[in-house]
């Protein structure tokens, strides 16, 4: 869904942007999301009714809040769970910097963004989807063959592909390095999700598994993307004020370097995975706290 949605966004911008304007492109995509939400609201629930059903919104919220101590205890018991979440946040520091790609392509590389958007849309639809599928399949294979957590595969992918991210930021045209940089960035992000999500679900108690996933989603968006895009914007202005020739490039290099914190986080998480998973199994059987 993420790579296909991103690809669709670039496709709409390339195909309809010149015709209806960028603001109407936002409205069009937003309306599509609203339509799907209303459509989903008409679906019938097939699961058994919740025991908390009909108790009112206030009691439902209290029920959710009552899960927080269990979630905090799960994080305290499993360093691998915490490090997997931190690794995902680290990866998204570079993803947040990439929110400025459109400006970078246009202002510092002097590229025509219309035709470029169409190519990027195709990259998301192919390389992104391949990253999801291959990353998930290889993660399962890695766990079965080595017994290590799937996060170790993420470490390998990041080590192999991160040099391309630095070279990509140093290019000044849309040549081979440019497209390898875009492709590797899309692939490693898509591949990361499968290993990270499954690891979080395997290391969280069943009672708070969804809450742990929600914490990961909040972390990568609010902290990873939120901090990097905000700090990145201020950093660009600061570099420009200091007279740097390519302030957007400079910011992206700094954020790419900062995202490397994900590598040790995922590495330690993978090494601790088996022990933390066994500890969770004992806890779920009531053999220890």
C-alpha atoms as a PDB file:
ATOM      1  CA  UNK A   1       0.000   0.000   0.000  1.00  0.00           C
ATOM      2  CA  UNK A   2       2.746   2.498   0.851  1.00  0.00           C
ATOM      3  CA  UNK A   3       4.730   2.198  -2.418  1.00  0.00           C
ATOM      4  CA  UNK A   4       1.582   1.999  -4.546  1.00  0.00           C
ATOM      5  CA  UNK A   5       0.096   5.030  -2.798  1.00  0.00           C
ATOM      6  CA  UNK A   6       3.336   6.981  -3.179  1.00  0.00           C
ATOM      7  CA  UNK A   7       3.548   5.998  -6.831  1.00  0.00           C
ATOM      8  CA  UNK A   8      -0.057   7.049  -7.414  1.00  0.00           C
ATOM      9  CA  UNK A   9       0.673  10.435  -5.819  1.00  0.00           C
ATOM     10  CA  UNK A  10       3.601  11.080  -8.183  1.00  0.00           C
ATOM     11  CA  UNK A  11       1.520   9.861 -11.131  1.00  0.00           C
ATOM     12  CA  UNK A  12      -1.330  12.248 -10.299  1.00  0.00           C
ATOM     13  CA  UNK A  13       1.150  15.115  -9.868  1.00  0.00           C
ATOM     14  CA  UNK A  14       2.757  14.357 -13.239  1.00  0.00           C
ATOM     15  CA  UNK A  15      -0.421  13.699 -15.218  1.00  0.00           C
ATOM     16  CA  UNK A  16      -2.910  16.119 -13.671  1.00  0.00           C
ATOM     17  CA  UNK A  17      -0.704  18.740 -12.004  1.00  0.00           C
ATOM     18  CA  UNK A  18      -0.256  20.782 -15.181  1.00  0.00           C
ATOM     19  CA  UNK A  19      -4.009  20.568 -15.881  1.00  0.00           C
ATOM     20  CA  UNK A  20      -5.670  21.174 -12.509  1.00  0.00           C
ATOM     21  CA  UNK A  21      -2.850  22.617 -10.359  1.00  0.00           C
ATOM     22  CA  UNK A  22      -1.021  21.170  -7.371  1.00  0.00           C
ATOM     23  CA  UNK A  23      -3.653  22.263  -4.827  1.00  0.00           C
ATOM     24  CA  UNK A  24      -6.409  20.400  -6.662  1.00  0.00           C
ATOM     25  CA  UNK A  25      -4.135  17.340  -6.807  1.00  0.00           C
ATOM     26  CA  UNK A  26      -4.117  17.341  -2.992  1.00  0.00           C
ATOM     27  CA  UNK A  27      -7.883  17.668  -2.931  1.00  0.00           C
ATOM     28  CA  UNK A  28      -8.284  14.837  -5.433  1.00  0.00           C
ATOM     29  CA  UNK A  29      -6.088  12.424  -3.477  1.00  0.00           C
ATOM     30  CA  UNK A  30      -7.752  13.475  -0.209  1.00  0.00           C
ATOM     31  CA  UNK A  31     -11.193  12.858  -1.664  1.00  0.00           C
ATOM     32  CA  UNK A  32     -10.094   9.390  -2.752  1.00  0.00           C
ATOM     33  CA  UNK A  33      -9.095   8.585   0.843  1.00  0.00           C
ATOM     34  CA  UNK A  34     -12.396   9.958   2.149  1.00  0.00           C
ATOM     35  CA  UNK A  35     -14.332   7.871  -0.381  1.00  0.00           C
ATOM     36  CA  UNK A  36     -12.533   4.697   0.683  1.00  0.00           C
ATOM     37  CA  UNK A  37     -13.162   5.490   4.369  1.00  0.00           C
ATOM     38  CA  UNK A  38     -16.920   5.928   3.765  1.00  0.00           C
ATOM     39  CA  UNK A  39     -16.970   2.739   1.700  1.00  0.00           C
ATOM     40  CA  UNK A  40     -15.255   0.766   4.470  1.00  0.00           C
ATOM     41  CA  UNK A  41     -17.844   2.098   6.937  1.00  0.00           C
ATOM     42  CA  UNK A  42     -20.519   0.153   5.041  1.00  0.00           C
ATOM     43  CA  UNK A  43     -18.763  -3.205   5.574  1.00  0.00           C
ATOM     44  CA  UNK A  44     -20.377  -5.615   7.995  1.00  0.00           C
ATOM     45  CA  UNK A  45     -18.323  -6.710  11.010  1.00  0.00           C
ATOM     46  CA  UNK A  46     -17.759 -10.466  10.851  1.00  0.00           C
ATOM     47  CA  UNK A  47     -15.897 -10.914  14.127  1.00  0.00           C
ATOM     48  CA  UNK A  48     -17.699 -11.753  17.405  1.00  0.00           C
ATOM     49  CA  UNK A  49     -18.949  -8.668  19.261  1.00  0.00           C
ATOM     50  CA  UNK A  50     -16.436  -7.093  21.638  1.00  0.00           C
ATOM     51  CA  UNK A  51     -17.144  -7.641  25.357  1.00  0.00           C
ATOM     52  CA  UNK A  52     -16.734  -3.873  25.744  1.00  0.00           C
ATOM     53  CA  UNK A  53     -19.312  -3.107  23.050  1.00  0.00           C
ATOM     54  CA  UNK A  54     -22.129  -0.757  24.004  1.00  0.00           C
ATOM     55  CA  UNK A  55     -20.337   0.571  27.091  1.00  0.00           C
ATOM     56  CA  UNK A  56     -19.776   4.019  25.660  1.00  0.00           C
ATOM     57  CA  UNK A  57     -16.792   5.896  24.339  1.00  0.00           C
ATOM     58  CA  UNK A  58     -15.486   6.931  27.777  1.00  0.00           C
ATOM     59  CA  UNK A  59     -15.247   3.367  29.019  1.00  0.00           C
ATOM     60  CA  UNK A  60     -13.651   2.322  25.744  1.00  0.00           C
ATOM     61  CA  UNK A  61     -10.957   4.980  26.177  1.00  0.00           C
ATOM     62  CA  UNK A  62     -10.390   3.903  29.774  1.00  0.00           C
ATOM     63  CA  UNK A  63     -10.030   0.338  28.548  1.00  0.00           C
ATOM     64  CA  UNK A  64      -7.357   1.407  26.077  1.00  0.00           C
ATOM     65  CA  UNK A  65      -5.488   3.424  28.700  1.00  0.00           C
ATOM     66  CA  UNK A  66      -5.522   0.440  31.023  1.00  0.00           C
ATOM     67  CA  UNK A  67      -3.278  -1.350  28.518  1.00  0.00           C
ATOM     68  CA  UNK A  68      -0.479   1.212  28.899  1.00  0.00           C
ATOM     69  CA  UNK A  69       1.130  -0.444  31.962  1.00  0.00           C
ATOM     70  CA  UNK A  70       1.231  -3.772  30.091  1.00  0.00           C
ATOM     71  CA  UNK A  71       2.772  -2.079  27.055  1.00  0.00           C
ATOM     72  CA  UNK A  72       5.409  -0.319  29.163  1.00  0.00           C
ATOM     73  CA  UNK A  73       6.221  -3.591  30.914  1.00  0.00           C
ATOM     74  CA  UNK A  74       6.650  -5.291  27.522  1.00  0.00           C
ATOM     75  CA  UNK A  75       9.084  -2.577  26.416  1.00  0.00           C
ATOM     76  CA  UNK A  76      11.024  -2.927  29.661  1.00  0.00           C
ATOM     77  CA  UNK A  77      11.273  -6.710  29.296  1.00  0.00           C
ATOM     78  CA  UNK A  78      12.425  -6.659  25.677  1.00  0.00           C
ATOM     79  CA  UNK A  79      15.328  -4.409  24.626  1.00  0.00           C
ATOM     80  CA  UNK A  80      14.994  -5.928  21.130  1.00  0.00           C
ATOM     81  CA  UNK A  81      11.459  -4.548  20.887  1.00  0.00           C
ATOM     82  CA  UNK A  82      12.596  -1.057  21.897  1.00  0.00           C
ATOM     83  CA  UNK A  83      15.591  -1.139  19.554  1.00  0.00           C
ATOM     84  CA  UNK A  84      13.449  -2.269  16.611  1.00  0.00           C
ATOM     85  CA  UNK A  85      11.186   0.736  17.128  1.00  0.00           C
ATOM     86  CA  UNK A  86      14.216   3.042  17.443  1.00  0.00           C
ATOM     87  CA  UNK A  87      15.726   1.519  14.298  1.00  0.00           C
ATOM     88  CA  UNK A  88      12.580   2.315  12.340  1.00  0.00           C
ATOM     89  CA  UNK A  89      12.654   5.884  13.651  1.00  0.00           C
ATOM     90  CA  UNK A  90      16.295   6.164  12.576  1.00  0.00           C
ATOM     91  CA  UNK A  91      15.536   5.044   9.020  1.00  0.00           C
ATOM     92  CA  UNK A  92      12.812   7.665   8.811  1.00  0.00           C
ATOM     93  CA  UNK A  93      15.236  10.480   9.589  1.00  0.00           C
ATOM     94  CA  UNK A  94      16.474  10.080   6.010  1.00  0.00           C
ATOM     95  CA  UNK A  95      12.923   9.596   4.749  1.00  0.00           C
ATOM     96  CA  UNK A  96      11.964  12.921   6.319  1.00  0.00           C
ATOM     97  CA  UNK A  97      14.855  14.634   4.554  1.00  0.00           C
ATOM     98  CA  UNK A  98      13.573  13.141   1.300  1.00  0.00           C
ATOM     99  CA  UNK A  99      10.380  15.185   1.692  1.00  0.00           C
ATOM    100  CA  UNK A 100      12.469  18.015   0.246  1.00  0.00           C
ATOM    101  CA  UNK A 101      13.410  15.980  -2.840  1.00  0.00           C
ATOM    102  CA  UNK A 102      11.009  17.809  -5.137  1.00  0.00           C
ATOM    103  CA  UNK A 103      12.531  21.191  -4.238  1.00  0.00           C
ATOM    104  CA  UNK A 104      16.036  19.720  -4.491  1.00  0.00           C
ATOM    105  CA  UNK A 105      15.402  18.259  -7.938  1.00  0.00           C
ATOM    106  CA  UNK A 106      14.034  21.564  -9.217  1.00  0.00           C
ATOM    107  CA  UNK A 107      16.162  24.198  -7.512  1.00  0.00           C
ATOM    108  CA  UNK A 108      19.579  22.604  -7.055  1.00  0.00           C
ATOM    109  CA  UNK A 109      19.664  20.033  -9.872  1.00  0.00           C
ATOM    110  CA  UNK A 110      17.606  22.106 -12.318  1.00  0.00           C
ATOM    111  CA  UNK A 111      15.497  19.135 -13.443  1.00  0.00           C
ATOM    112  CA  UNK A 112      12.074  19.299 -15.096  1.00  0.00           C
ATOM    113  CA  UNK A 113       9.863  17.722 -12.450  1.00  0.00           C
ATOM    114  CA  UNK A 114       6.867  16.777 -14.641  1.00  0.00           C
ATOM    115  CA  UNK A 115       8.517  13.951 -16.624  1.00  0.00           C
ATOM    116  CA  UNK A 116      10.611  13.069 -13.568  1.00  0.00           C
ATOM    117  CA  UNK A 117       7.496  12.469 -11.454  1.00  0.00           C
ATOM    118  CA  UNK A 118       6.220   9.902 -13.945  1.00  0.00           C
ATOM    119  CA  UNK A 119       9.477   7.934 -13.716  1.00  0.00           C
ATOM    120  CA  UNK A 120       9.468   8.111  -9.913  1.00  0.00           C
ATOM    121  CA  UNK A 121       5.864   6.850  -9.889  1.00  0.00           C
ATOM    122  CA  UNK A 122       6.997   3.838 -11.904  1.00  0.00           C
ATOM    123  CA  UNK A 123       9.894   3.273  -9.500  1.00  0.00           C
ATOM    124  CA  UNK A 124       7.556   3.167  -6.519  1.00  0.00           C
ATOM    125  CA  UNK A 125       5.165   0.780  -8.287  1.00  0.00           C
ATOM    126  CA  UNK A 126       7.965  -1.651  -9.208  1.00  0.00           C
ATOM    127  CA  UNK A 127      10.968  -1.289  -6.896  1.00  0.00           C
ATOM    128  CA  UNK A 128       8.795  -0.401  -3.897  1.00  0.00           C
ATOM    129  CA  UNK A 129       6.459  -3.357  -4.269  1.00  0.00           C
ATOM    130  CA  UNK A 130       9.459  -5.632  -4.912  1.00  0.00           C
ATOM    131  CA  UNK A 131      11.073  -4.335  -1.720  1.00  0.00           C
ATOM    132  CA  UNK A 132       7.964  -5.207   0.310  1.00  0.00           C
ATOM    133  CA  UNK A 133       7.695  -8.722  -1.104  1.00  0.00           C
ATOM    134  CA  UNK A 134      11.414  -9.567  -1.227  1.00  0.00           C
ATOM    135  CA  UNK A 135      12.090  -8.021   2.180  1.00  0.00           C
ATOM    136  CA  UNK A 136       9.287 -10.011   3.769  1.00  0.00           C
ATOM    137  CA  UNK A 137      10.207 -13.294   2.102  1.00  0.00           C
ATOM    138  CA  UNK A 138      13.936 -12.921   2.800  1.00  0.00           C
ATOM    139  CA  UNK A 139      13.191 -11.956   6.406  1.00  0.00           C
ATOM    140  CA  UNK A 140      11.233 -15.165   6.958  1.00  0.00           C
ATOM    141  CA  UNK A 141      13.987 -17.188   5.260  1.00  0.00           C
ATOM    142  CA  UNK A 142      16.694 -15.491   7.331  1.00  0.00           C
ATOM    143  CA  UNK A 143      14.923 -16.243  10.615  1.00  0.00           C
ATOM    144  CA  UNK A 144      14.400 -19.886   9.638  1.00  0.00           C
ATOM    145  CA  UNK A 145      17.981 -20.415   8.453  1.00  0.00           C
ATOM    146  CA  UNK A 146      19.946 -18.503  11.080  1.00  0.00           C
ATOM    147  CA  UNK A 147      17.651 -18.157  14.076  1.00  0.00           C
ATOM    148  CA  UNK A 148      18.582 -14.483  14.206  1.00  0.00           C
ATOM    149  CA  UNK A 149      15.934 -11.806  14.131  1.00  0.00           C
ATOM    150  CA  UNK A 150      14.765 -10.461  10.802  1.00  0.00           C
ATOM    151  CA  UNK A 151      16.344  -7.155  11.789  1.00  0.00           C
ATOM    152  CA  UNK A 152      19.760  -8.525  10.827  1.00  0.00           C
ATOM    153  CA  UNK A 153      18.621  -8.665   7.210  1.00  0.00           C
ATOM    154  CA  UNK A 154      17.638  -4.997   7.489  1.00  0.00           C
ATOM    155  CA  UNK A 155      21.170  -4.261   8.732  1.00  0.00           C
ATOM    156  CA  UNK A 156      22.679  -5.955   5.675  1.00  0.00           C
ATOM    157  CA  UNK A 157      20.377  -4.073   3.292  1.00  0.00           C
ATOM    158  CA  UNK A 158      21.189  -0.730   4.947  1.00  0.00           C
ATOM    159  CA  UNK A 159      24.955  -1.358   4.896  1.00  0.00           C
ATOM    160  CA  UNK A 160      24.865  -2.309   1.212  1.00  0.00           C
ATOM    161  CA  UNK A 161      22.589   0.493   0.046  1.00  0.00           C
ATOM    162  CA  UNK A 162      23.433   3.459   2.279  1.00  0.00           C
ATOM    163  CA  UNK A 163      26.589   4.395   0.285  1.00  0.00           C
ATOM    164  CA  UNK A 164      24.310   4.943  -2.712  1.00  0.00           C
ATOM    165  CA  UNK A 165      22.262   7.363  -0.614  1.00  0.00           C
ATOM    166  CA  UNK A 166      25.335   9.523  -0.015  1.00  0.00           C
ATOM    167  CA  UNK A 167      26.472   9.348  -3.643  1.00  0.00           C
ATOM    168  CA  UNK A 168      22.937  10.182  -4.788  1.00  0.00           C
ATOM    169  CA  UNK A 169      22.944  13.363  -2.706  1.00  0.00           C
ATOM    170  CA  UNK A 170      26.236  14.439  -4.265  1.00  0.00           C
ATOM    171  CA  UNK A 171      25.122  14.087  -7.886  1.00  0.00           C
ATOM    172  CA  UNK A 172      24.244  17.105 -10.012  1.00  0.00           C
ATOM    173  CA  UNK A 173      22.159  15.467 -12.757  1.00  0.00           C
ATOM    174  CA  UNK A 174      19.718  12.611 -13.411  1.00  0.00           C
ATOM    175  CA  UNK A 175      22.276   9.992 -14.450  1.00  0.00           C
ATOM    176  CA  UNK A 176      22.842   6.424 -13.258  1.00  0.00           C
ATOM    177  CA  UNK A 177      23.765   7.354  -9.676  1.00  0.00           C
ATOM    178  CA  UNK A 178      20.647   9.512  -9.457  1.00  0.00           C
ATOM    179  CA  UNK A 179      18.313   6.649 -10.328  1.00  0.00           C
ATOM    180  CA  UNK A 180      20.241   4.085  -8.279  1.00  0.00           C
ATOM    181  CA  UNK A 181      19.899   6.432  -5.319  1.00  0.00           C
ATOM    182  CA  UNK A 182      16.158   6.813  -5.723  1.00  0.00           C
ATOM    183  CA  UNK A 183      15.683   3.092  -6.301  1.00  0.00           C
ATOM    184  CA  UNK A 184      17.815   1.996  -3.343  1.00  0.00           C
ATOM    185  CA  UNK A 185      16.051   4.446  -1.033  1.00  0.00           C
ATOM    186  CA  UNK A 186      12.629   3.162  -2.050  1.00  0.00           C
ATOM    187  CA  UNK A 187      13.740  -0.485  -1.822  1.00  0.00           C
ATOM    188  CA  UNK A 188      15.391  -0.334   1.596  1.00  0.00           C
ATOM    189  CA  UNK A 189      12.454   1.512   3.155  1.00  0.00           C
ATOM    190  CA  UNK A 190       9.931  -0.951   1.729  1.00  0.00           C
ATOM    191  CA  UNK A 191      12.033  -3.960   2.759  1.00  0.00           C
ATOM    192  CA  UNK A 192      12.442  -2.591   6.284  1.00  0.00           C
ATOM    193  CA  UNK A 193       8.726  -2.565   7.022  1.00  0.00           C
ATOM    194  CA  UNK A 194       8.242  -6.332   6.749  1.00  0.00           C
ATOM    195  CA  UNK A 195      11.062  -7.187   9.125  1.00  0.00           C
ATOM    196  CA  UNK A 196      10.263  -4.427  11.608  1.00  0.00           C
ATOM    197  CA  UNK A 197       6.505  -5.014  11.827  1.00  0.00           C
ATOM    198  CA  UNK A 198       6.838  -8.787  12.192  1.00  0.00           C
ATOM    199  CA  UNK A 199       9.563  -8.421  14.839  1.00  0.00           C
ATOM    200  CA  UNK A 200       7.407  -6.062  16.875  1.00  0.00           C
ATOM    201  CA  UNK A 201       4.449  -8.438  16.719  1.00  0.00           C
ATOM    202  CA  UNK A 202       6.605 -11.413  17.723  1.00  0.00           C
ATOM    203  CA  UNK A 203       8.122  -9.624  20.727  1.00  0.00           C
ATOM    204  CA  UNK A 204       4.959  -7.990  22.120  1.00  0.00           C
ATOM    205  CA  UNK A 205       2.466  -9.878  24.317  1.00  0.00           C
ATOM    206  CA  UNK A 206      -0.733 -10.775  22.477  1.00  0.00           C
ATOM    207  CA  UNK A 207      -2.735  -8.454  24.733  1.00  0.00           C
ATOM    208  CA  UNK A 208      -0.848  -5.338  23.582  1.00  0.00           C
ATOM    209  CA  UNK A 209       0.441  -6.436  20.174  1.00  0.00           C
ATOM    210  CA  UNK A 210      -1.627  -3.876  18.272  1.00  0.00           C
ATOM    211  CA  UNK A 211      -0.609  -1.169  20.755  1.00  0.00           C
ATOM    212  CA  UNK A 212       3.079  -1.965  20.158  1.00  0.00           C
ATOM    213  CA  UNK A 213       2.588  -1.677  16.401  1.00  0.00           C
ATOM    214  CA  UNK A 214       0.730   1.611  16.945  1.00  0.00           C
ATOM    215  CA  UNK A 215       3.669   2.893  19.012  1.00  0.00           C
ATOM    216  CA  UNK A 216       6.002   2.052  16.130  1.00  0.00           C
ATOM    217  CA  UNK A 217       3.777   3.854  13.603  1.00  0.00           C
ATOM    218  CA  UNK A 218       3.548   6.904  15.878  1.00  0.00           C
ATOM    219  CA  UNK A 219       7.310   6.860  16.446  1.00  0.00           C
ATOM    220  CA  UNK A 220       8.310   6.759  12.777  1.00  0.00           C
ATOM    221  CA  UNK A 221       5.798   9.448  11.815  1.00  0.00           C
ATOM    222  CA  UNK A 222       5.829  11.874  14.752  1.00  0.00           C
ATOM    223  CA  UNK A 223       9.479  11.480  15.758  1.00  0.00           C
ATOM    224  CA  UNK A 224      11.193  10.174  12.612  1.00  0.00           C
ATOM    225  CA  UNK A 225       9.385  12.187   9.956  1.00  0.00           C
ATOM    226  CA  UNK A 226       8.198  15.033  12.167  1.00  0.00           C
ATOM    227  CA  UNK A 227      11.580  15.874  13.644  1.00  0.00           C
ATOM    228  CA  UNK A 228      13.584  15.355  10.452  1.00  0.00           C
ATOM    229  CA  UNK A 229      11.330  17.475   8.228  1.00  0.00           C
ATOM    230  CA  UNK A 230      11.115  20.261  10.812  1.00  0.00           C
ATOM    231  CA  UNK A 231      14.806  20.256  11.696  1.00  0.00           C
ATOM    232  CA  UNK A 232      15.638  19.768   8.015  1.00  0.00           C
ATOM    233  CA  UNK A 233      13.747  22.913   7.039  1.00  0.00           C
ATOM    234  CA  UNK A 234      15.536  25.015   9.656  1.00  0.00           C
ATOM    235  CA  UNK A 235      18.845  23.440   8.630  1.00  0.00           C
ATOM    236  CA  UNK A 236      18.334  24.403   4.974  1.00  0.00           C
ATOM    237  CA  UNK A 237      17.649  28.009   5.973  1.00  0.00           C
ATOM    238  CA  UNK A 238      20.724  28.032   8.216  1.00  0.00           C
ATOM    239  CA  UNK A 239      22.989  26.618   5.509  1.00  0.00           C
ATOM    240  CA  UNK A 240      21.606  29.124   2.998  1.00  0.00           C
ATOM    241  CA  UNK A 241      22.188  32.006   5.416  1.00  0.00           C
ATOM    242  CA  UNK A 242      25.762  30.789   5.871  1.00  0.00           C
ATOM    243  CA  UNK A 243      26.298  31.109   2.136  1.00  0.00           C
ATOM    244  CA  UNK A 244      26.393  27.407   1.256  1.00  0.00           C
ATOM    245  CA  UNK A 245      25.912  26.787  -2.479  1.00  0.00           C
ATOM    246  CA  UNK A 246      23.677  23.710  -2.041  1.00  0.00           C
ATOM    247  CA  UNK A 247      21.916  24.005   1.331  1.00  0.00           C
ATOM    248  CA  UNK A 248      19.318  21.308   0.569  1.00  0.00           C
ATOM    249  CA  UNK A 249      22.061  18.865  -0.385  1.00  0.00           C
ATOM    250  CA  UNK A 250      23.970  19.669   2.812  1.00  0.00           C
ATOM    251  CA  UNK A 251      20.886  19.022   4.945  1.00  0.00           C
ATOM    252  CA  UNK A 252      20.206  15.716   3.226  1.00  0.00           C
ATOM    253  CA  UNK A 253      23.785  14.544   3.805  1.00  0.00           C
ATOM    254  CA  UNK A 254      23.505  15.366   7.515  1.00  0.00           C
ATOM    255  CA  UNK A 255      20.157  13.579   7.863  1.00  0.00           C
ATOM    256  CA  UNK A 256      21.398  10.552   5.937  1.00  0.00           C
ATOM    257  CA  UNK A 257      24.337  10.337   8.333  1.00  0.00           C
ATOM    258  CA  UNK A 258      21.980  10.675  11.315  1.00  0.00           C
ATOM    259  CA  UNK A 259      19.830   7.828   9.980  1.00  0.00           C
ATOM    260  CA  UNK A 260      22.808   5.463  10.337  1.00  0.00           C
ATOM    261  CA  UNK A 261      21.819   5.116  14.000  1.00  0.00           C
ATOM    262  CA  UNK A 262      19.341   2.541  12.675  1.00  0.00           C
ATOM    263  CA  UNK A 263      22.143   0.085  11.845  1.00  0.00           C
ATOM    264  CA  UNK A 264      23.415  -0.578  15.406  1.00  0.00           C
ATOM    265  CA  UNK A 265      19.846  -0.473  16.733  1.00  0.00           C
ATOM    266  CA  UNK A 266      18.652  -3.175  14.324  1.00  0.00           C
ATOM    267  CA  UNK A 267      21.893  -5.170  14.809  1.00  0.00           C
ATOM    268  CA  UNK A 268      21.553  -5.426  18.586  1.00  0.00           C
ATOM    269  CA  UNK A 269      17.813  -6.095  18.223  1.00  0.00           C
ATOM    270  CA  UNK A 270      18.559  -9.033  15.916  1.00  0.00           C
ATOM    271  CA  UNK A 271      21.177 -10.470  18.282  1.00  0.00           C
ATOM    272  CA  UNK A 272      18.783 -10.249  21.236  1.00  0.00           C
ATOM    273  CA  UNK A 273      15.709 -11.424  19.333  1.00  0.00           C
ATOM    274  CA  UNK A 274      15.779 -15.137  20.192  1.00  0.00           C
ATOM    275  CA  UNK A 275      16.376 -14.533  23.902  1.00  0.00           C
ATOM    276  CA  UNK A 276      13.675 -11.873  24.177  1.00  0.00           C
ATOM    277  CA  UNK A 277      11.208 -14.037  22.244  1.00  0.00           C
ATOM    278  CA  UNK A 278      11.848 -17.004  24.560  1.00  0.00           C
ATOM    279  CA  UNK A 279      11.398 -14.733  27.573  1.00  0.00           C
ATOM    280  CA  UNK A 280       8.070 -13.557  26.130  1.00  0.00           C
ATOM    281  CA  UNK A 281       6.913 -17.159  25.651  1.00  0.00           C
ATOM    282  CA  UNK A 282       7.744 -17.932  29.291  1.00  0.00           C
ATOM    283  CA  UNK A 283       5.885 -14.817  30.384  1.00  0.00           C
ATOM    284  CA  UNK A 284       2.824 -15.719  28.325  1.00  0.00           C
ATOM    285  CA  UNK A 285       2.807 -19.189  29.940  1.00  0.00           C
ATOM    286  CA  UNK A 286       2.942 -17.573  33.360  1.00  0.00           C
ATOM    287  CA  UNK A 287       6.425 -18.844  34.149  1.00  0.00           C
ATOM    288  CA  UNK A 288       7.871 -15.475  35.078  1.00  0.00           C
ATOM    289  CA  UNK A 289       7.372 -11.743  34.958  1.00  0.00           C
END
